[in-house]
C-alpha atoms as a PDB file:
ATOM      1  CA  UNK A   1    -117.684 -66.925 -23.327  1.00  0.00           C
ATOM      2  CA  UNK A   2    -117.081 -67.922 -26.904  1.00  0.00           C
ATOM      3  CA  UNK A   3    -116.317 -71.353 -28.280  1.00  0.00           C
ATOM      4  CA  UNK A   4    -117.329 -74.768 -27.072  1.00  0.00           C
ATOM      5  CA  UNK A   5    -117.962 -75.383 -23.418  1.00  0.00           C
ATOM      6  CA  UNK A   6    -115.376 -77.527 -21.647  1.00  0.00           C
ATOM      7  CA  UNK A   7    -116.338 -81.083 -20.774  1.00  0.00           C
ATOM      8  CA  UNK A   8    -117.171 -81.749 -17.169  1.00  0.00           C
ATOM      9  CA  UNK A   9    -114.769 -84.107 -15.470  1.00  0.00           C
ATOM     10  CA  UNK A  10    -115.787 -86.519 -12.769  1.00  0.00           C
ATOM     11  CA  UNK A  11    -113.337 -87.129  -9.956  1.00  0.00           C
ATOM     12  CA  UNK A  12    -111.651 -90.510  -9.970  1.00  0.00           C
ATOM     13  CA  UNK A  13    -112.374 -92.823  -7.053  1.00  0.00           C
ATOM     14  CA  UNK A  14    -109.844 -94.869  -5.120  1.00  0.00           C
ATOM     15  CA  UNK A  15    -109.818 -98.523  -6.181  1.00  0.00           C
ATOM     16  CA  UNK A  16    -111.719-100.679  -3.681  1.00  0.00           C
ATOM     17  CA  UNK A  17    -109.516-103.715  -4.288  1.00  0.00           C
ATOM     18  CA  UNK A  18    -106.147-102.144  -3.470  1.00  0.00           C
ATOM     19  CA  UNK A  19    -107.173 -98.969  -1.537  1.00  0.00           C
ATOM     20  CA  UNK A  20    -104.959 -96.876  -3.823  1.00  0.00           C
ATOM     21  CA  UNK A  21    -101.819 -98.969  -3.259  1.00  0.00           C
ATOM     22  CA  UNK A  22    -101.819-100.237  -6.827  1.00  0.00           C
ATOM     23  CA  UNK A  23     -98.367-101.801  -7.059  1.00  0.00           C
ATOM     24  CA  UNK A  24     -96.767-104.214  -4.608  1.00  0.00           C
ATOM     25  CA  UNK A  25     -93.272-105.697  -4.431  1.00  0.00           C
ATOM     26  CA  UNK A  26     -93.294-109.443  -3.791  1.00  0.00           C
ATOM     27  CA  UNK A  27     -90.128-111.307  -2.867  1.00  0.00           C
ATOM     28  CA  UNK A  28     -89.421-114.342  -5.035  1.00  0.00           C
ATOM     29  CA  UNK A  29     -87.506-116.396  -2.485  1.00  0.00           C
ATOM     30  CA  UNK A  30     -84.347-116.282  -0.375  1.00  0.00           C
ATOM     31  CA  UNK A  31     -81.366-114.041  -1.012  1.00  0.00           C
ATOM     32  CA  UNK A  32     -78.848-115.032  -3.652  1.00  0.00           C
ATOM     33  CA  UNK A  33     -75.120-115.590  -2.884  1.00  0.00           C
ATOM     34  CA  UNK A  34     -74.471-111.861  -3.434  1.00  0.00           C
ATOM     35  CA  UNK A  35     -77.054-110.885  -0.797  1.00  0.00           C
ATOM     36  CA  UNK A  36     -79.636-109.506  -3.228  1.00  0.00           C
ATOM     37  CA  UNK A  37     -83.316-110.104  -2.574  1.00  0.00           C
ATOM     38  CA  UNK A  38     -85.084-110.528  -5.895  1.00  0.00           C
ATOM     39  CA  UNK A  39     -88.553-108.987  -6.052  1.00  0.00           C
ATOM     40  CA  UNK A  40     -91.360-108.839  -8.569  1.00  0.00           C
ATOM     41  CA  UNK A  41     -93.601-105.791  -8.967  1.00  0.00           C
ATOM     42  CA  UNK A  42     -97.252-106.761  -9.272  1.00  0.00           C
ATOM     43  CA  UNK A  43    -100.061-104.410 -10.336  1.00  0.00           C
ATOM     44  CA  UNK A  44    -103.619-104.547  -9.046  1.00  0.00           C
ATOM     45  CA  UNK A  45    -105.715-106.480 -11.599  1.00  0.00           C
ATOM     46  CA  UNK A  46    -108.791-104.286 -11.034  1.00  0.00           C
ATOM     47  CA  UNK A  47    -107.229-100.857 -11.704  1.00  0.00           C
ATOM     48  CA  UNK A  48    -104.165-102.006 -13.688  1.00  0.00           C
ATOM     49  CA  UNK A  49    -101.730-100.213 -11.399  1.00  0.00           C
ATOM     50  CA  UNK A  50    -103.320 -96.766 -11.398  1.00  0.00           C
ATOM     51  CA  UNK A  51    -104.916 -96.873  -7.920  1.00  0.00           C
ATOM     52  CA  UNK A  52    -108.121 -95.258  -9.165  1.00  0.00           C
ATOM     53  CA  UNK A  53    -111.243 -96.401 -10.973  1.00  0.00           C
ATOM     54  CA  UNK A  54    -113.569 -94.190 -13.009  1.00  0.00           C
ATOM     55  CA  UNK A  55    -116.614 -92.842 -11.224  1.00  0.00           C
ATOM     56  CA  UNK A  56    -119.918 -94.450 -12.249  1.00  0.00           C
ATOM     57  CA  UNK A  57    -122.021 -92.643 -14.797  1.00  0.00           C
ATOM     58  CA  UNK A  58    -124.829 -90.735 -13.123  1.00  0.00           C
ATOM     59  CA  UNK A  59    -128.299 -91.957 -13.913  1.00  0.00           C
ATOM     60  CA  UNK A  60    -130.224 -89.628 -16.181  1.00  0.00           C
ATOM     61  CA  UNK A  61    -133.037 -87.658 -14.579  1.00  0.00           C
ATOM     62  CA  UNK A  62    -136.303 -89.505 -15.029  1.00  0.00           C
ATOM     63  CA  UNK A  63    -134.582 -92.606 -16.405  1.00  0.00           C
ATOM     64  CA  UNK A  64    -135.184 -96.142 -15.262  1.00  0.00           C
ATOM     65  CA  UNK A  65    -132.564 -98.563 -14.000  1.00  0.00           C
END
C-alpha cells in the first residue's frame, strides 16, 4: 500500500441523556382558532441534536490516569 495510512475511526456512542432521540416536539399550549397545535422543536443539550456522543479516548498503554 502506498501513501499515508487512513485514520482509524472510533464508533460513535448513543447519547446517555436522550437515548438517541435527540429532538423532541413540545406543544406550546392549546390549539388556536384555526385548529393548529403550535409546537417547538427542542434539541438535547448534551449532544446538540445529533443523538450521539464521541467515544472516549482510549488510555495509552502504560500510562497513568
